[in-house]
PDB file of N, CA and C in Angstrom:
ATOM      1  N   UNK A   1      17.582  24.004 -12.735  1.00  0.00           N
ATOM      2  CA  UNK A   1      16.603  23.226 -12.206  1.00  0.00           C
ATOM      3  C   UNK A   1      16.763  22.754 -10.907  1.00  0.00           C
ATOM      4  N   UNK A   2      16.187  23.035  -9.711  1.00  0.00           N
ATOM      5  CA  UNK A   2      16.336  22.600  -8.563  1.00  0.00           C
ATOM      6  C   UNK A   2      16.156  21.081  -8.137  1.00  0.00           C
ATOM      7  N   UNK A   3      16.456  20.713  -7.229  1.00  0.00           N
ATOM      8  CA  UNK A   3      16.583  19.355  -6.939  1.00  0.00           C
ATOM      9  C   UNK A   3      15.044  19.026  -6.535  1.00  0.00           C
ATOM     10  N   UNK A   4      14.599  17.751  -6.816  1.00  0.00           N
ATOM     11  CA  UNK A   4      13.446  17.125  -6.690  1.00  0.00           C
ATOM     12  C   UNK A   4      13.314  16.983  -5.107  1.00  0.00           C
ATOM     13  N   UNK A   5      12.105  16.940  -4.734  1.00  0.00           N
ATOM     14  CA  UNK A   5      12.047  16.595  -2.930  1.00  0.00           C
ATOM     15  C   UNK A   5      10.720  15.436  -2.986  1.00  0.00           C
ATOM     16  N   UNK A   6      11.219  14.518  -2.193  1.00  0.00           N
ATOM     17  CA  UNK A   6       9.847  13.619  -2.164  1.00  0.00           C
ATOM     18  C   UNK A   6       9.607  13.328  -0.559  1.00  0.00           C
ATOM     19  N   UNK A   7       8.669  12.588  -0.624  1.00  0.00           N
ATOM     20  CA  UNK A   7       7.696  12.449   0.650  1.00  0.00           C
ATOM     21  C   UNK A   7       7.229  11.085   0.632  1.00  0.00           C
ATOM     22  N   UNK A   8       7.363  10.472   2.169  1.00  0.00           N
ATOM     23  CA  UNK A   8       7.232   8.987   2.255  1.00  0.00           C
ATOM     24  C   UNK A   8       5.939   9.137   3.098  1.00  0.00           C
ATOM     25  N   UNK A   9       4.903   8.098   2.653  1.00  0.00           N
ATOM     26  CA  UNK A   9       3.888   7.753   3.585  1.00  0.00           C
ATOM     27  C   UNK A   9       3.495   6.209   3.974  1.00  0.00           C
ATOM     28  N   UNK A  10       3.091   5.810   4.828  1.00  0.00           N
ATOM     29  CA  UNK A  10       2.715   4.577   5.241  1.00  0.00           C
ATOM     30  C   UNK A  10       1.124   3.843   4.747  1.00  0.00           C
ATOM     31  N   UNK A  11       1.132   2.869   4.197  1.00  0.00           N
ATOM     32  CA  UNK A  11      -0.206   2.617   4.017  1.00  0.00           C
ATOM     33  C   UNK A  11      -0.251   0.880   4.038  1.00  0.00           C
ATOM     34  N   UNK A  12      -1.659   0.872   4.279  1.00  0.00           N
ATOM     35  CA  UNK A  12      -2.082  -0.854   4.526  1.00  0.00           C
ATOM     36  C   UNK A  12      -2.944  -1.081   3.234  1.00  0.00           C
ATOM     37  N   UNK A  13      -2.689  -2.063   2.578  1.00  0.00           N
ATOM     38  CA  UNK A  13      -3.994  -2.632   1.707  1.00  0.00           C
ATOM     39  C   UNK A  13      -4.183  -4.056   2.111  1.00  0.00           C
ATOM     40  N   UNK A  14      -5.500  -4.428   1.751  1.00  0.00           N
ATOM     41  CA  UNK A  14      -6.058  -5.803   2.196  1.00  0.00           C
ATOM     42  C   UNK A  14      -6.501  -6.476   0.853  1.00  0.00           C
ATOM     43  N   UNK A  15      -6.571  -7.634   1.237  1.00  0.00           N
ATOM     44  CA  UNK A  15      -7.512  -8.332   0.207  1.00  0.00           C
ATOM     45  C   UNK A  15      -7.522  -9.867   0.605  1.00  0.00           C
ATOM     46  N   UNK A  16      -8.949 -10.561   0.271  1.00  0.00           N
ATOM     47  CA  UNK A  16      -9.186 -11.750   0.790  1.00  0.00           C
ATOM     48  C   UNK A  16      -8.552 -12.831  -0.324  1.00  0.00           C
ATOM     49  N   UNK A  17      -7.905 -12.229  -1.363  1.00  0.00           N
ATOM     50  CA  UNK A  17      -7.357 -13.228  -2.432  1.00  0.00           C
ATOM     51  C   UNK A  17      -5.983 -13.414  -2.423  1.00  0.00           C
ATOM     52  N   UNK A  18      -5.025 -12.370  -2.503  1.00  0.00           N
ATOM     53  CA  UNK A  18      -3.625 -12.506  -2.160  1.00  0.00           C
ATOM     54  C   UNK A  18      -2.826 -11.454  -1.879  1.00  0.00           C
ATOM     55  N   UNK A  19      -1.603 -11.591  -1.623  1.00  0.00           N
ATOM     56  CA  UNK A  19      -0.707 -10.511  -1.219  1.00  0.00           C
ATOM     57  C   UNK A  19      -0.561  -9.462  -2.162  1.00  0.00           C
ATOM     58  N   UNK A  20      -0.736 -10.138  -3.336  1.00  0.00           N
ATOM     59  CA  UNK A  20      -0.128  -9.196  -4.431  1.00  0.00           C
ATOM     60  C   UNK A  20      -1.031  -8.143  -4.706  1.00  0.00           C
ATOM     61  N   UNK A  21      -2.629  -8.675  -4.630  1.00  0.00           N
ATOM     62  CA  UNK A  21      -3.794  -8.062  -5.026  1.00  0.00           C
ATOM     63  C   UNK A  21      -3.994  -7.094  -3.798  1.00  0.00           C
ATOM     64  N   UNK A  22      -3.394  -7.251  -2.164  1.00  0.00           N
ATOM     65  CA  UNK A  22      -3.438  -6.185  -1.291  1.00  0.00           C
ATOM     66  C   UNK A  22      -2.323  -5.020  -1.777  1.00  0.00           C
ATOM     67  N   UNK A  23      -1.424  -5.207  -2.287  1.00  0.00           N
ATOM     68  CA  UNK A  23      -0.361  -4.477  -2.501  1.00  0.00           C
ATOM     69  C   UNK A  23      -0.823  -3.876  -3.667  1.00  0.00           C
ATOM     70  N   UNK A  24      -1.919  -4.091  -4.754  1.00  0.00           N
ATOM     71  CA  UNK A  24      -2.379  -3.276  -6.119  1.00  0.00           C
ATOM     72  C   UNK A  24      -3.328  -2.538  -5.288  1.00  0.00           C
ATOM     73  N   UNK A  25      -3.959  -2.955  -4.235  1.00  0.00           N
ATOM     74  CA  UNK A  25      -5.285  -2.289  -4.034  1.00  0.00           C
ATOM     75  C   UNK A  25      -4.842  -1.250  -3.204  1.00  0.00           C
ATOM     76  N   UNK A  26      -3.933  -1.136  -2.304  1.00  0.00           N
ATOM     77  CA  UNK A  26      -3.128   0.005  -1.750  1.00  0.00           C
ATOM     78  C   UNK A  26      -2.595   0.904  -2.697  1.00  0.00           C
ATOM     79  N   UNK A  27      -1.968   0.555  -3.485  1.00  0.00           N
ATOM     80  CA  UNK A  27      -1.479   1.568  -4.485  1.00  0.00           C
ATOM     81  C   UNK A  27      -2.554   2.041  -5.255  1.00  0.00           C
ATOM     82  N   UNK A  28      -3.222   1.458  -5.817  1.00  0.00           N
ATOM     83  CA  UNK A  28      -4.442   2.028  -6.734  1.00  0.00           C
ATOM     84  C   UNK A  28      -5.271   3.140  -5.591  1.00  0.00           C
ATOM     85  N   UNK A  29      -5.671   2.815  -4.544  1.00  0.00           N
ATOM     86  CA  UNK A  29      -6.035   3.578  -3.453  1.00  0.00           C
ATOM     87  C   UNK A  29      -5.551   5.122  -3.459  1.00  0.00           C
ATOM     88  N   UNK A  30      -4.177   4.741  -2.749  1.00  0.00           N
ATOM     89  CA  UNK A  30      -3.307   5.760  -2.911  1.00  0.00           C
ATOM     90  C   UNK A  30      -3.349   6.735  -4.194  1.00  0.00           C
ATOM     91  N   UNK A  31      -3.283   6.080  -5.476  1.00  0.00           N
ATOM     92  CA  UNK A  31      -3.406   6.812  -6.489  1.00  0.00           C
ATOM     93  C   UNK A  31      -4.437   7.849  -7.072  1.00  0.00           C
ATOM     94  N   UNK A  32      -5.707   7.646  -6.110  1.00  0.00           N
ATOM     95  CA  UNK A  32      -6.858   8.500  -6.213  1.00  0.00           C
ATOM     96  C   UNK A  32      -6.413   9.890  -5.475  1.00  0.00           C
ATOM     97  N   UNK A  33      -5.729  10.072  -4.702  1.00  0.00           N
ATOM     98  CA  UNK A  33      -5.390  11.190  -3.897  1.00  0.00           C
ATOM     99  C   UNK A  33      -3.961  11.513  -3.885  1.00  0.00           C
ATOM    100  N   UNK A  34      -2.851  10.782  -4.387  1.00  0.00           N
ATOM    101  CA  UNK A  34      -1.398  11.359  -4.189  1.00  0.00           C
ATOM    102  C   UNK A  34      -1.257  11.558  -5.883  1.00  0.00           C
ATOM    103  N   UNK A  35      -0.467  12.541  -6.101  1.00  0.00           N
ATOM    104  CA  UNK A  35       0.247  12.503  -7.452  1.00  0.00           C
ATOM    105  C   UNK A  35       1.651  12.495  -7.495  1.00  0.00           C
ATOM    106  N   UNK A  36       2.213  12.200  -8.531  1.00  0.00           N
ATOM    107  CA  UNK A  36       3.451  12.013  -8.646  1.00  0.00           C
ATOM    108  C   UNK A  36       4.095  10.736  -7.888  1.00  0.00           C
ATOM    109  N   UNK A  37       3.556   9.438  -7.700  1.00  0.00           N
ATOM    110  CA  UNK A  37       4.073   8.433  -6.905  1.00  0.00           C
ATOM    111  C   UNK A  37       5.071   7.844  -7.879  1.00  0.00           C
ATOM    112  N   UNK A  38       6.171   7.742  -7.098  1.00  0.00           N
ATOM    113  CA  UNK A  38       7.619   7.330  -7.737  1.00  0.00           C
ATOM    114  C   UNK A  38       8.023   6.065  -7.400  1.00  0.00           C
ATOM    115  N   UNK A  39       7.608   5.349  -6.397  1.00  0.00           N
ATOM    116  CA  UNK A  39       8.067   4.010  -5.879  1.00  0.00           C
ATOM    117  C   UNK A  39       7.052   3.446  -4.517  1.00  0.00           C
ATOM    118  N   UNK A  40       7.299   2.220  -4.448  1.00  0.00           N
ATOM    119  CA  UNK A  40       6.862   1.876  -3.004  1.00  0.00           C
ATOM    120  C   UNK A  40       7.720   0.639  -2.440  1.00  0.00           C
ATOM    121  N   UNK A  41       7.933   0.496  -1.303  1.00  0.00           N
ATOM    122  CA  UNK A  41       8.335  -0.640  -0.826  1.00  0.00           C
ATOM    123  C   UNK A  41       7.589  -1.587   0.147  1.00  0.00           C
ATOM    124  N   UNK A  42       7.436  -2.976   0.131  1.00  0.00           N
ATOM    125  CA  UNK A  42       6.663  -3.637   0.939  1.00  0.00           C
ATOM    126  C   UNK A  42       7.570  -3.767   2.367  1.00  0.00           C
ATOM    127  N   UNK A  43       6.680  -3.242   3.640  1.00  0.00           N
ATOM    128  CA  UNK A  43       7.501  -2.965   5.011  1.00  0.00           C
ATOM    129  C   UNK A  43       7.023  -4.464   5.633  1.00  0.00           C
ATOM    130  N   UNK A  44       5.931  -4.856   5.764  1.00  0.00           N
ATOM    131  CA  UNK A  44       5.334  -5.847   6.157  1.00  0.00           C
ATOM    132  C   UNK A  44       4.063  -6.830   5.591  1.00  0.00           C
ATOM    133  N   UNK A  45       4.083  -7.985   5.563  1.00  0.00           N
ATOM    134  CA  UNK A  45       3.277  -8.750   5.216  1.00  0.00           C
ATOM    135  C   UNK A  45       2.703  -9.533   6.252  1.00  0.00           C
ATOM    136  N   UNK A  46       1.224  -9.679   6.221  1.00  0.00           N
ATOM    137  CA  UNK A  46       0.707 -10.434   7.366  1.00  0.00           C
ATOM    138  C   UNK A  46      -0.746 -10.947   7.107  1.00  0.00           C
ATOM    139  N   UNK A  47      -1.348 -11.503   7.706  1.00  0.00           N
ATOM    140  CA  UNK A  47      -2.749 -11.771   7.491  1.00  0.00           C
ATOM    141  C   UNK A  47      -3.514 -11.912   8.593  1.00  0.00           C
ATOM    142  N   UNK A  48      -4.907 -11.948   8.574  1.00  0.00           N
ATOM    143  CA  UNK A  48      -5.656 -12.070   9.545  1.00  0.00           C
ATOM    144  C   UNK A  48      -6.759 -13.364   9.435  1.00  0.00           C
ATOM    145  N   UNK A  49      -6.904 -14.094  10.332  1.00  0.00           N
ATOM    146  CA  UNK A  49      -7.693 -15.139  10.260  1.00  0.00           C
ATOM    147  C   UNK A  49      -9.097 -14.893  11.029  1.00  0.00           C
ATOM    148  N   UNK A  50     -10.147 -15.042  10.491  1.00  0.00           N
ATOM    149  CA  UNK A  50     -11.441 -14.767  11.186  1.00  0.00           C
ATOM    150  C   UNK A  50     -12.090 -15.899  11.241  1.00  0.00           C
ATOM    151  N   UNK A  51     -11.971 -16.406  12.624  1.00  0.00           N
ATOM    152  CA  UNK A  51     -12.671 -17.648  13.192  1.00  0.00           C
ATOM    153  C   UNK A  51     -14.009 -17.772  12.991  1.00  0.00           C
ATOM    154  N   UNK A  52     -14.721 -16.336  13.110  1.00  0.00           N
ATOM    155  CA  UNK A  52     -16.118 -16.296  13.070  1.00  0.00           C
ATOM    156  C   UNK A  52     -16.587 -16.436  11.639  1.00  0.00           C
ATOM    157  N   UNK A  53     -15.901 -16.619  10.893  1.00  0.00           N
ATOM    158  CA  UNK A  53     -16.434 -16.672   9.547  1.00  0.00           C
ATOM    159  C   UNK A  53     -15.470 -17.575   8.560  1.00  0.00           C
ATOM    160  N   UNK A  54     -15.608 -19.122   9.501  1.00  0.00           N
ATOM    161  CA  UNK A  54     -15.046 -20.217   9.096  1.00  0.00           C
ATOM    162  C   UNK A  54     -13.644 -20.224   8.554  1.00  0.00           C
ATOM    163  N   UNK A  55     -12.986 -19.421   9.193  1.00  0.00           N
ATOM    164  CA  UNK A  55     -11.349 -19.266   9.280  1.00  0.00           C
ATOM    165  C   UNK A  55     -11.191 -18.521   7.978  1.00  0.00           C
ATOM    166  N   UNK A  56     -12.053 -17.570   7.345  1.00  0.00           N
ATOM    167  CA  UNK A  56     -11.713 -16.684   6.144  1.00  0.00           C
ATOM    168  C   UNK A  56     -10.607 -16.007   6.579  1.00  0.00           C
ATOM    169  N   UNK A  57      -9.391 -15.911   5.661  1.00  0.00           N
ATOM    170  CA  UNK A  57      -7.925 -15.452   5.573  1.00  0.00           C
ATOM    171  C   UNK A  57      -8.370 -13.673   4.982  1.00  0.00           C
ATOM    172  N   UNK A  58      -7.548 -12.687   5.537  1.00  0.00           N
ATOM    173  CA  UNK A  58      -7.607 -11.661   4.899  1.00  0.00           C
ATOM    174  C   UNK A  58      -6.170 -11.210   4.919  1.00  0.00           C
ATOM    175  N   UNK A  59      -5.506 -11.229   3.533  1.00  0.00           N
ATOM    176  CA  UNK A  59      -4.087 -10.706   3.490  1.00  0.00           C
ATOM    177  C   UNK A  59      -3.860  -9.172   3.878  1.00  0.00           C
ATOM    178  N   UNK A  60      -2.826  -8.897   4.232  1.00  0.00           N
ATOM    179  CA  UNK A  60      -2.817  -7.363   4.746  1.00  0.00           C
ATOM    180  C   UNK A  60      -1.024  -6.964   4.153  1.00  0.00           C
ATOM    181  N   UNK A  61      -1.156  -5.959   3.498  1.00  0.00           N
ATOM    182  CA  UNK A  61       0.680  -5.591   3.251  1.00  0.00           C
ATOM    183  C   UNK A  61       0.670  -4.235   3.490  1.00  0.00           C
ATOM    184  N   UNK A  62       1.809  -3.739   4.283  1.00  0.00           N
ATOM    185  CA  UNK A  62       2.069  -2.597   4.698  1.00  0.00           C
ATOM    186  C   UNK A  62       3.165  -2.128   3.553  1.00  0.00           C
ATOM    187  N   UNK A  63       2.801  -0.777   3.169  1.00  0.00           N
ATOM    188  CA  UNK A  63       3.772  -0.223   2.124  1.00  0.00           C
ATOM    189  C   UNK A  63       4.225   1.230   2.439  1.00  0.00           C
ATOM    190  N   UNK A  64       5.414   1.307   2.309  1.00  0.00           N
ATOM    191  CA  UNK A  64       5.710   2.992   2.385  1.00  0.00           C
ATOM    192  C   UNK A  64       5.654   3.255   0.994  1.00  0.00           C
ATOM    193  N   UNK A  65       5.160   4.238   0.270  1.00  0.00           N
ATOM    194  CA  UNK A  65       4.989   4.789  -0.933  1.00  0.00           C
ATOM    195  C   UNK A  65       5.546   6.359  -1.087  1.00  0.00           C
ATOM    196  N   UNK A  66       6.516   6.498  -2.163  1.00  0.00           N
ATOM    197  CA  UNK A  66       7.111   7.733  -2.059  1.00  0.00           C
ATOM    198  C   UNK A  66       6.498   8.447  -3.150  1.00  0.00           C
ATOM    199  N   UNK A  67       6.517  10.014  -3.164  1.00  0.00           N
ATOM    200  CA  UNK A  67       5.940  10.749  -4.269  1.00  0.00           C
ATOM    201  C   UNK A  67       6.634  11.964  -4.368  1.00  0.00           C
ATOM    202  N   UNK A  68       6.879  12.449  -5.299  1.00  0.00           N
ATOM    203  CA  UNK A  68       7.340  13.777  -5.493  1.00  0.00           C
ATOM    204  C   UNK A  68       6.638  14.936  -5.061  1.00  0.00           C
ATOM    205  N   UNK A  69       7.350  15.868  -4.592  1.00  0.00           N
ATOM    206  CA  UNK A  69       6.165  17.221  -4.199  1.00  0.00           C
ATOM    207  C   UNK A  69       6.342  18.085  -5.063  1.00  0.00           C
ATOM    208  N   UNK A  70       4.995  18.666  -5.383  1.00  0.00           N
ATOM    209  CA  UNK A  70       5.284  19.733  -6.500  1.00  0.00           C
ATOM    210  C   UNK A  70       6.158  20.697  -6.308  1.00  0.00           C
ATOM    211  N   UNK A  71       6.380  21.590  -7.274  1.00  0.00           N
ATOM    212  CA  UNK A  71       7.271  22.637  -7.112  1.00  0.00           C
ATOM    213  C   UNK A  71       6.680  23.870  -6.809  1.00  0.00           C
TER     214      UNK A  71
END
């Protein structure tokens, strides 16, 4: 049986509610087009403040997602 090979990509999820929801949105969306996702790591957390919308906050989470390449 050959060794498994993995690839990493970087994605950014957003949410007006929380950081954890931003992470979940990113993983859910990636899962629509990626197969064999195995792990993720949160690389950066930040927020955006929109002063034109009453200081509305948007949470952003940058993730690296690892997935196994098909044989």
